[in-house]
Amino acid sequence: MLSLRHTTRTAGTVLVLAAAGLATVPAADASASTARCHTSQLQARVGTPLHAAGTTYAPIVLRNASSSTCHVRGYPGIGLVGNGGDIVVNPFRNAALANAAKRTITLRPGGHASAVLSIAGCAGGGGAREGLRGLIVTPPGEYAHLRIRSSRLGWYCGGSTSVGVLVHGTRGVRF
């Protein structure tokens, strides 16, 4: 015998069909009922960088500093800020760097999401060197940005830069 029951959720009404104890239709994704994180709800910082083969890899960490659960999805906008205070480069987006597909990440209050920033080094000593004093970070879907002051990023010499997709946690990569 088939039975039909209604389950009310904040995202709307979900019909669940149960057939004599067999599988049920899964309810909507939990992130569908949470709002997107706005810049005013987030804090940003640079995690511990790793310097390897002339390239700096640094996790860019977003923290939900609000009292409400929200979600992020995709890539943060990043601008490298030089010693003079100007943006010297906007890294391109690189999903392969994060080794993960674009996912919706639900952040409870105090929760973290992160993406890896890659900055090619100044191998060979050629070209102009610009010291980096920080970043601007724009959360996905937002126009306002957060400023991060950090001397941990080293130098920019006009080489390749990229930023990965946001993942859960503070490391910038999914294992």
N, C-alpha and C. Protein backbone atom coordinates (compact mmCIF):
# COMPACT_ATOMS: atom_id res chain seq x y z
N MET A 1 0.83 -1.17 0.00
CA MET A 1 0.00 0.00 0.00
C MET A 1 0.88 1.24 0.00
N LEU A 2 0.54 2.25 -0.77
CA LEU A 2 1.30 3.48 -0.85
C LEU A 2 0.71 4.50 0.12
N SER A 3 1.59 5.28 0.73
CA SER A 3 1.12 6.36 1.59
C SER A 3 1.77 7.65 1.13
N LEU A 4 1.10 8.75 1.32
CA LEU A 4 1.59 10.06 0.91
C LEU A 4 1.57 10.95 2.14
N ARG A 5 2.70 11.57 2.45
CA ARG A 5 2.71 12.49 3.58
C ARG A 5 3.37 13.79 3.16
N HIS A 6 3.00 14.88 3.80
CA HIS A 6 3.56 16.21 3.53
C HIS A 6 4.56 16.56 4.62
N THR A 7 5.66 17.15 4.22
CA THR A 7 6.64 17.67 5.16
C THR A 7 6.84 19.14 4.81
N THR A 8 6.65 20.03 5.77
CA THR A 8 6.82 21.46 5.50
C THR A 8 8.22 21.86 5.89
N ARG A 9 8.89 22.59 4.99
CA ARG A 9 10.24 23.12 5.21
C ARG A 9 10.22 24.60 4.92
N THR A 10 11.20 25.32 5.39
CA THR A 10 11.26 26.75 5.11
C THR A 10 11.44 27.03 3.63
N ALA A 11 12.06 26.13 2.90
CA ALA A 11 12.26 26.32 1.47
C ALA A 11 11.01 25.98 0.67
N GLY A 12 9.96 25.52 1.32
CA GLY A 12 8.72 25.18 0.63
C GLY A 12 8.25 23.82 1.08
N THR A 13 7.22 23.36 0.44
CA THR A 13 6.65 22.07 0.81
C THR A 13 7.31 20.98 -0.03
N VAL A 14 7.75 19.93 0.64
CA VAL A 14 8.38 18.81 -0.03
C VAL A 14 7.46 17.61 0.11
N LEU A 15 7.10 17.01 -1.00
CA LEU A 15 6.29 15.80 -0.95
C LEU A 15 7.22 14.60 -0.86
N VAL A 16 6.93 13.75 0.08
CA VAL A 16 7.73 12.54 0.23
C VAL A 16 6.81 11.36 0.00
N LEU A 17 7.17 10.52 -0.94
CA LEU A 17 6.39 9.34 -1.26
C LEU A 17 7.08 8.13 -0.67
N ALA A 18 6.37 7.42 0.21
CA ALA A 18 6.94 6.22 0.81
C ALA A 18 6.13 5.02 0.34
N ALA A 19 6.77 4.05 -0.20
CA ALA A 19 6.09 2.87 -0.72
C ALA A 19 6.45 1.67 0.13
N ALA A 20 5.57 1.34 1.05
CA ALA A 20 5.70 0.15 1.90
C ALA A 20 7.10 0.00 2.50
N GLY A 21 7.67 1.12 3.02
CA GLY A 21 8.96 1.06 3.68
C GLY A 21 10.15 1.10 2.74
N LEU A 22 9.91 1.28 1.43
CA LEU A 22 11.02 1.37 0.48
C LEU A 22 11.63 2.76 0.55
N ALA A 23 12.55 3.06 -0.33
CA ALA A 23 13.28 4.33 -0.34
C ALA A 23 12.33 5.51 -0.45
N THR A 24 12.74 6.62 0.14
CA THR A 24 11.97 7.86 0.06
C THR A 24 12.70 8.83 -0.86
N VAL A 25 11.99 9.81 -1.37
CA VAL A 25 12.58 10.85 -2.20
C VAL A 25 13.34 11.78 -1.27
N PRO A 26 14.62 12.09 -1.54
CA PRO A 26 15.37 12.95 -0.63
C PRO A 26 14.79 14.36 -0.61
N ALA A 27 14.86 14.99 0.55
CA ALA A 27 14.41 16.37 0.70
C ALA A 27 15.39 17.30 0.00
N ALA A 28 15.00 18.56 -0.15
CA ALA A 28 15.84 19.56 -0.82
C ALA A 28 17.16 19.75 -0.08
N ASP A 29 18.20 20.14 -0.81
CA ASP A 29 19.52 20.43 -0.24
C ASP A 29 19.39 21.46 0.88
N ALA A 30 20.09 21.25 1.98
CA ALA A 30 20.01 22.16 3.13
C ALA A 30 20.41 23.58 2.77
N SER A 31 21.34 23.75 1.81
CA SER A 31 21.79 25.09 1.46
C SER A 31 20.70 25.89 0.75
N ALA A 32 19.68 25.19 0.21
CA ALA A 32 18.60 25.89 -0.47
C ALA A 32 17.82 26.76 0.51
N SER A 33 17.84 26.41 1.79
CA SER A 33 17.10 27.18 2.78
C SER A 33 17.96 28.23 3.48
N THR A 34 19.24 28.33 3.12
CA THR A 34 20.10 29.36 3.72
C THR A 34 20.37 30.45 2.70
N ALA A 35 20.54 31.65 3.20
CA ALA A 35 20.87 32.78 2.33
C ALA A 35 22.35 32.74 1.97
N ARG A 36 22.68 33.39 0.87
CA ARG A 36 24.08 33.54 0.48
C ARG A 36 24.78 34.42 1.50
N CYS A 37 26.03 34.13 1.79
CA CYS A 37 26.80 34.95 2.72
C CYS A 37 27.10 36.30 2.06
N HIS A 38 26.86 37.37 2.78
CA HIS A 38 27.18 38.71 2.30
C HIS A 38 28.51 39.15 2.92
N THR A 39 29.16 40.06 2.27
CA THR A 39 30.47 40.54 2.71
C THR A 39 30.43 40.96 4.17
N SER A 40 29.36 41.63 4.59
CA SER A 40 29.25 42.12 5.97
C SER A 40 29.20 41.00 6.99
N GLN A 41 28.91 39.76 6.57
CA GLN A 41 28.83 38.62 7.49
C GLN A 41 30.16 37.89 7.62
N LEU A 42 31.13 38.24 6.79
CA LEU A 42 32.36 37.45 6.70
C LEU A 42 33.60 38.22 7.15
N GLN A 43 34.58 37.46 7.62
CA GLN A 43 35.92 37.96 7.88
C GLN A 43 36.86 37.15 6.99
N ALA A 44 37.99 37.75 6.61
CA ALA A 44 38.95 37.05 5.75
C ALA A 44 40.35 37.15 6.33
N ARG A 45 41.15 36.11 6.07
CA ARG A 45 42.56 36.12 6.48
C ARG A 45 43.35 35.25 5.53
N VAL A 46 44.67 35.44 5.55
CA VAL A 46 45.58 34.59 4.80
C VAL A 46 46.06 33.51 5.75
N GLY A 47 45.91 32.25 5.34
CA GLY A 47 46.42 31.14 6.14
C GLY A 47 47.93 31.02 5.96
N THR A 48 48.51 30.00 6.52
CA THR A 48 49.96 29.80 6.43
C THR A 48 50.36 29.44 5.01
N PRO A 49 51.19 30.29 4.38
CA PRO A 49 51.61 30.00 3.00
C PRO A 49 52.64 28.87 2.94
N LEU A 50 52.67 28.22 1.80
CA LEU A 50 53.67 27.22 1.49
C LEU A 50 54.45 27.75 0.30
N HIS A 51 55.76 27.76 0.40
CA HIS A 51 56.62 28.23 -0.69
C HIS A 51 57.32 27.01 -1.27
N ALA A 52 57.05 26.74 -2.55
CA ALA A 52 57.64 25.56 -3.19
C ALA A 52 57.94 25.86 -4.66
N ALA A 53 59.13 25.50 -5.09
CA ALA A 53 59.54 25.63 -6.50
C ALA A 53 59.29 27.04 -7.03
N GLY A 54 59.57 28.02 -6.22
CA GLY A 54 59.44 29.40 -6.66
C GLY A 54 58.02 29.95 -6.67
N THR A 55 57.06 29.21 -6.15
CA THR A 55 55.66 29.64 -6.12
C THR A 55 55.17 29.67 -4.69
N THR A 56 54.35 30.66 -4.38
CA THR A 56 53.70 30.74 -3.07
C THR A 56 52.27 30.25 -3.20
N TYR A 57 51.89 29.33 -2.32
CA TYR A 57 50.52 28.83 -2.23
C TYR A 57 50.00 29.22 -0.86
N ALA A 58 48.92 30.01 -0.84
CA ALA A 58 48.38 30.47 0.44
C ALA A 58 46.88 30.28 0.47
N PRO A 59 46.36 29.65 1.54
CA PRO A 59 44.91 29.55 1.66
C PRO A 59 44.32 30.91 2.05
N ILE A 60 43.27 31.30 1.34
CA ILE A 60 42.51 32.50 1.68
C ILE A 60 41.29 31.99 2.43
N VAL A 61 41.15 32.35 3.69
CA VAL A 61 40.14 31.79 4.57
C VAL A 61 39.03 32.80 4.82
N LEU A 62 37.79 32.37 4.57
CA LEU A 62 36.61 33.17 4.91
C LEU A 62 35.95 32.56 6.14
N ARG A 63 35.57 33.39 7.09
CA ARG A 63 34.91 32.94 8.32
C ARG A 63 33.58 33.63 8.46
N ASN A 64 32.54 32.86 8.76
CA ASN A 64 31.22 33.44 9.01
C ASN A 64 31.25 34.07 10.40
N ALA A 65 31.29 35.40 10.45
CA ALA A 65 31.37 36.13 11.72
C ALA A 65 29.99 36.56 12.20
N SER A 66 28.94 36.17 11.49
CA SER A 66 27.60 36.58 11.87
C SER A 66 26.97 35.54 12.80
N SER A 67 25.77 35.82 13.24
CA SER A 67 25.04 34.88 14.10
C SER A 67 24.06 34.03 13.29
N SER A 68 24.10 34.15 11.94
CA SER A 68 23.20 33.40 11.07
C SER A 68 23.98 32.46 10.17
N THR A 69 23.39 31.32 9.87
CA THR A 69 23.97 30.40 8.91
C THR A 69 23.78 30.96 7.51
N CYS A 70 24.80 30.84 6.67
CA CYS A 70 24.73 31.32 5.29
C CYS A 70 25.57 30.39 4.43
N HIS A 71 25.59 30.62 3.11
CA HIS A 71 26.39 29.74 2.24
C HIS A 71 27.18 30.54 1.21
N VAL A 72 28.27 29.92 0.75
CA VAL A 72 29.10 30.45 -0.34
C VAL A 72 29.21 29.36 -1.40
N ARG A 73 29.45 29.79 -2.65
CA ARG A 73 29.60 28.83 -3.74
C ARG A 73 30.47 29.45 -4.82
N GLY A 74 31.51 28.74 -5.21
CA GLY A 74 32.32 29.20 -6.32
C GLY A 74 33.67 29.74 -5.91
N TYR A 75 34.05 30.83 -6.55
CA TYR A 75 35.38 31.42 -6.38
C TYR A 75 35.31 32.78 -5.73
N PRO A 76 36.24 33.09 -4.84
CA PRO A 76 36.31 34.47 -4.34
C PRO A 76 37.02 35.34 -5.38
N GLY A 77 36.66 36.60 -5.43
CA GLY A 77 37.43 37.56 -6.22
C GLY A 77 38.63 37.97 -5.39
N ILE A 78 39.80 38.02 -5.99
CA ILE A 78 41.03 38.34 -5.26
C ILE A 78 41.77 39.44 -6.00
N GLY A 79 42.30 40.39 -5.28
CA GLY A 79 43.20 41.39 -5.83
C GLY A 79 44.45 41.46 -4.97
N LEU A 80 45.62 41.37 -5.58
CA LEU A 80 46.88 41.49 -4.84
C LEU A 80 47.18 42.97 -4.66
N VAL A 81 47.44 43.37 -3.44
CA VAL A 81 47.70 44.79 -3.13
C VAL A 81 49.20 44.97 -2.92
N GLY A 82 49.80 45.86 -3.72
CA GLY A 82 51.23 46.13 -3.64
C GLY A 82 51.56 47.08 -2.49
N ASN A 83 52.86 47.28 -2.26
CA ASN A 83 53.31 48.17 -1.18
C ASN A 83 52.78 49.59 -1.31
N GLY A 84 52.52 50.03 -2.54
CA GLY A 84 51.98 51.37 -2.76
C GLY A 84 50.49 51.48 -2.49
N GLY A 85 49.82 50.36 -2.20
CA GLY A 85 48.39 50.37 -1.91
C GLY A 85 47.50 50.11 -3.11
N ASP A 86 48.10 49.97 -4.31
CA ASP A 86 47.33 49.71 -5.52
C ASP A 86 47.18 48.21 -5.75
N ILE A 87 46.11 47.84 -6.45
CA ILE A 87 45.94 46.44 -6.85
C ILE A 87 46.89 46.20 -8.02
N VAL A 88 47.77 45.21 -7.86
CA VAL A 88 48.76 44.95 -8.91
C VAL A 88 48.31 43.84 -9.87
N VAL A 89 47.41 42.96 -9.43
CA VAL A 89 46.92 41.90 -10.31
C VAL A 89 45.66 41.28 -9.71
N ASN A 90 44.78 40.82 -10.59
CA ASN A 90 43.61 40.04 -10.20
C ASN A 90 43.81 38.62 -10.73
N PRO A 91 44.08 37.64 -9.86
CA PRO A 91 44.35 36.28 -10.33
C PRO A 91 43.16 35.67 -11.06
N PHE A 92 43.46 34.82 -12.04
CA PHE A 92 42.39 34.11 -12.72
C PHE A 92 41.93 32.94 -11.85
N ARG A 93 40.79 32.37 -12.21
CA ARG A 93 40.20 31.27 -11.43
C ARG A 93 40.68 29.93 -11.97
N ASN A 94 41.05 29.04 -11.06
CA ASN A 94 41.61 27.77 -11.46
C ASN A 94 41.01 26.65 -10.62
N ALA A 95 40.01 25.96 -11.16
CA ALA A 95 39.34 24.88 -10.43
C ALA A 95 40.28 23.71 -10.16
N ALA A 96 41.24 23.47 -11.05
CA ALA A 96 42.15 22.34 -10.88
C ALA A 96 43.02 22.51 -9.64
N LEU A 97 43.35 23.77 -9.29
CA LEU A 97 44.17 24.03 -8.11
C LEU A 97 43.52 23.52 -6.84
N ALA A 98 42.22 23.65 -6.74
CA ALA A 98 41.51 23.25 -5.52
C ALA A 98 41.18 21.76 -5.51
N ASN A 99 41.37 21.08 -6.65
CA ASN A 99 41.09 19.65 -6.74
C ASN A 99 39.67 19.33 -6.28
N ALA A 100 38.72 20.20 -6.63
CA ALA A 100 37.33 19.98 -6.22
C ALA A 100 36.39 20.65 -7.20
N ALA A 101 35.20 20.10 -7.30
CA ALA A 101 34.17 20.71 -8.12
C ALA A 101 33.57 21.89 -7.34
N LYS A 102 32.95 22.81 -8.07
CA LYS A 102 32.28 23.95 -7.45
C LYS A 102 31.11 23.42 -6.61
N ARG A 103 31.11 23.71 -5.33
CA ARG A 103 30.10 23.20 -4.40
C ARG A 103 29.53 24.34 -3.56
N THR A 104 28.32 24.12 -3.09
CA THR A 104 27.73 25.05 -2.13
C THR A 104 28.22 24.66 -0.75
N ILE A 105 28.78 25.63 -0.04
CA ILE A 105 29.33 25.38 1.29
C ILE A 105 28.50 26.15 2.30
N THR A 106 27.84 25.42 3.18
CA THR A 106 27.03 26.04 4.22
C THR A 106 27.92 26.37 5.40
N LEU A 107 27.89 27.64 5.82
CA LEU A 107 28.73 28.10 6.94
C LEU A 107 27.85 28.46 8.13
N ARG A 108 27.95 27.67 9.17
CA ARG A 108 27.30 28.04 10.43
C ARG A 108 28.09 29.19 11.04
N PRO A 109 27.55 29.87 12.02
CA PRO A 109 28.33 30.93 12.68
C PRO A 109 29.68 30.37 13.15
N GLY A 110 30.76 31.05 12.78
CA GLY A 110 32.11 30.60 13.11
C GLY A 110 32.69 29.62 12.11
N GLY A 111 31.91 29.17 11.12
CA GLY A 111 32.38 28.21 10.13
C GLY A 111 33.32 28.83 9.11
N HIS A 112 34.12 27.98 8.45
CA HIS A 112 35.16 28.44 7.52
C HIS A 112 35.03 27.81 6.14
N ALA A 113 35.40 28.58 5.13
CA ALA A 113 35.60 28.10 3.77
C ALA A 113 36.91 28.73 3.30
N SER A 114 37.58 28.08 2.36
CA SER A 114 38.87 28.62 1.92
C SER A 114 39.16 28.23 0.47
N ALA A 115 40.06 28.98 -0.14
CA ALA A 115 40.51 28.71 -1.51
C ALA A 115 42.01 28.96 -1.56
N VAL A 116 42.71 28.22 -2.41
CA VAL A 116 44.16 28.39 -2.52
C VAL A 116 44.48 29.48 -3.54
N LEU A 117 45.33 30.41 -3.12
CA LEU A 117 45.88 31.43 -3.99
C LEU A 117 47.29 31.00 -4.37
N SER A 118 47.60 31.04 -5.66
CA SER A 118 48.92 30.67 -6.16
C SER A 118 49.55 31.89 -6.80
N ILE A 119 50.78 32.22 -6.37
CA ILE A 119 51.52 33.37 -6.92
C ILE A 119 52.89 32.86 -7.37
N ALA A 120 53.13 32.92 -8.69
CA ALA A 120 54.42 32.48 -9.21
C ALA A 120 55.51 33.41 -8.71
N GLY A 121 56.65 32.84 -8.39
CA GLY A 121 57.76 33.59 -7.81
C GLY A 121 58.57 34.37 -8.83
N CYS A 122 59.67 34.91 -8.35
CA CYS A 122 60.55 35.77 -9.14
C CYS A 122 61.81 35.03 -9.55
N ALA A 123 61.66 33.83 -10.07
CA ALA A 123 62.82 33.03 -10.49
C ALA A 123 63.59 33.75 -11.58
N GLY A 124 64.89 33.68 -11.53
CA GLY A 124 65.73 34.27 -12.55
C GLY A 124 66.06 35.73 -12.30
N GLY A 125 65.37 36.36 -11.36
CA GLY A 125 65.68 37.74 -11.00
C GLY A 125 65.28 38.79 -12.01
N GLY A 126 64.67 38.40 -13.12
CA GLY A 126 64.28 39.39 -14.14
C GLY A 126 62.96 40.04 -13.82
N GLY A 127 62.71 41.19 -14.42
CA GLY A 127 61.43 41.87 -14.27
C GLY A 127 61.35 42.69 -13.00
N ALA A 128 60.34 43.54 -12.96
CA ALA A 128 60.13 44.39 -11.79
C ALA A 128 59.54 43.58 -10.65
N ARG A 129 59.99 43.86 -9.45
CA ARG A 129 59.48 43.18 -8.26
C ARG A 129 58.58 44.15 -7.50
N GLU A 130 57.42 43.67 -7.13
CA GLU A 130 56.48 44.47 -6.35
C GLU A 130 56.23 43.72 -5.05
N GLY A 131 56.58 44.34 -3.92
CA GLY A 131 56.27 43.73 -2.64
C GLY A 131 54.76 43.73 -2.43
N LEU A 132 54.26 42.66 -1.83
CA LEU A 132 52.83 42.56 -1.57
C LEU A 132 52.55 42.83 -0.11
N ARG A 133 51.58 43.70 0.15
CA ARG A 133 51.25 43.98 1.54
C ARG A 133 49.87 43.48 1.93
N GLY A 134 49.18 42.83 1.00
CA GLY A 134 47.88 42.28 1.35
C GLY A 134 47.03 41.95 0.15
N LEU A 135 45.76 41.75 0.42
CA LEU A 135 44.79 41.34 -0.58
C LEU A 135 43.48 42.07 -0.38
N ILE A 136 42.69 42.12 -1.44
CA ILE A 136 41.27 42.39 -1.27
C ILE A 136 40.56 41.11 -1.70
N VAL A 137 39.52 40.74 -0.97
CA VAL A 137 38.79 39.50 -1.22
C VAL A 137 37.32 39.86 -1.37
N THR A 138 36.73 39.44 -2.48
CA THR A 138 35.31 39.66 -2.72
C THR A 138 34.61 38.30 -2.68
N PRO A 139 33.71 38.08 -1.72
CA PRO A 139 33.00 36.79 -1.67
C PRO A 139 32.19 36.57 -2.94
N PRO A 140 31.95 35.30 -3.31
CA PRO A 140 31.16 35.01 -4.51
C PRO A 140 29.80 35.70 -4.48
N GLY A 141 29.43 36.31 -5.60
CA GLY A 141 28.13 36.96 -5.72
C GLY A 141 28.05 38.34 -5.09
N GLU A 142 29.13 38.84 -4.53
CA GLU A 142 29.13 40.14 -3.85
C GLU A 142 29.92 41.16 -4.64
N TYR A 143 29.70 42.43 -4.34
CA TYR A 143 30.47 43.52 -4.95
C TYR A 143 31.41 44.18 -3.94
N ALA A 144 31.01 44.20 -2.68
CA ALA A 144 31.86 44.77 -1.63
C ALA A 144 32.97 43.77 -1.31
N HIS A 145 34.13 44.29 -0.90
CA HIS A 145 35.25 43.40 -0.61
C HIS A 145 35.77 43.59 0.80
N LEU A 146 36.57 42.64 1.22
CA LEU A 146 37.27 42.66 2.51
C LEU A 146 38.74 42.92 2.24
N ARG A 147 39.39 43.67 3.11
CA ARG A 147 40.83 43.92 2.99
C ARG A 147 41.58 43.07 4.00
N ILE A 148 42.67 42.48 3.53
CA ILE A 148 43.55 41.69 4.40
C ILE A 148 44.94 42.30 4.31
N ARG A 149 45.50 42.68 5.43
CA ARG A 149 46.90 43.11 5.46
C ARG A 149 47.73 41.89 5.82
N SER A 150 48.74 41.62 5.01
CA SER A 150 49.60 40.47 5.26
C SER A 150 50.94 40.67 4.57
N SER A 151 52.00 40.40 5.31
CA SER A 151 53.34 40.44 4.72
C SER A 151 53.81 39.03 4.37
N ARG A 152 52.93 38.04 4.47
CA ARG A 152 53.30 36.64 4.27
C ARG A 152 53.33 36.23 2.80
N LEU A 153 52.91 37.11 1.89
CA LEU A 153 52.76 36.73 0.49
C LEU A 153 54.01 36.94 -0.35
N GLY A 154 54.95 37.71 0.14
CA GLY A 154 56.21 37.89 -0.58
C GLY A 154 56.13 38.92 -1.69
N TRP A 155 56.60 38.52 -2.88
CA TRP A 155 56.76 39.43 -4.01
C TRP A 155 55.91 39.00 -5.19
N TYR A 156 55.56 39.97 -6.03
CA TYR A 156 54.90 39.68 -7.30
C TYR A 156 55.80 40.23 -8.41
N CYS A 157 56.08 39.40 -9.42
CA CYS A 157 56.99 39.80 -10.50
C CYS A 157 56.33 39.73 -11.87
N GLY A 158 55.01 39.72 -11.92
CA GLY A 158 54.32 39.66 -13.21
C GLY A 158 54.07 38.26 -13.70
N GLY A 159 54.34 37.26 -12.89
CA GLY A 159 54.14 35.87 -13.29
C GLY A 159 52.70 35.42 -13.13
N SER A 160 52.50 34.14 -13.29
CA SER A 160 51.18 33.53 -13.23
C SER A 160 50.61 33.58 -11.81
N THR A 161 49.34 33.90 -11.71
CA THR A 161 48.62 33.84 -10.44
C THR A 161 47.27 33.18 -10.69
N SER A 162 46.76 32.48 -9.69
CA SER A 162 45.43 31.88 -9.82
C SER A 162 44.83 31.68 -8.44
N VAL A 163 43.51 31.49 -8.43
CA VAL A 163 42.80 31.20 -7.19
C VAL A 163 41.87 30.02 -7.46
N GLY A 164 41.82 29.11 -6.49
CA GLY A 164 40.98 27.92 -6.63
C GLY A 164 39.57 28.16 -6.13
N VAL A 165 38.74 27.14 -6.29
CA VAL A 165 37.35 27.17 -5.86
C VAL A 165 37.29 27.05 -4.33
N LEU A 166 36.28 27.63 -3.72
CA LEU A 166 36.11 27.53 -2.27
C LEU A 166 35.74 26.11 -1.86
N VAL A 167 36.34 25.67 -0.76
CA VAL A 167 36.07 24.35 -0.17
C VAL A 167 35.86 24.55 1.33
N HIS A 168 35.31 23.52 1.99
CA HIS A 168 35.13 23.57 3.45
C HIS A 168 36.48 23.64 4.16
N GLY A 169 36.52 24.31 5.30
CA GLY A 169 37.70 24.31 6.15
C GLY A 169 38.64 25.46 5.87
N THR A 170 39.85 25.38 6.45
CA THR A 170 40.82 26.47 6.40
C THR A 170 42.05 26.18 5.55
N ARG A 171 42.15 25.00 4.95
CA ARG A 171 43.35 24.62 4.22
C ARG A 171 43.33 24.97 2.73
N GLY A 172 42.16 25.24 2.17
CA GLY A 172 42.05 25.60 0.77
C GLY A 172 41.99 24.44 -0.19
N VAL A 173 42.17 23.22 0.30
CA VAL A 173 42.11 22.03 -0.55
C VAL A 173 41.29 20.96 0.14
N ARG A 174 40.73 20.08 -0.67
CA ARG A 174 39.97 18.94 -0.14
C ARG A 174 40.81 17.69 -0.27
N PHE A 175 40.90 16.93 0.80
CA PHE A 175 41.64 15.66 0.75
C PHE A 175 40.68 14.51 0.86
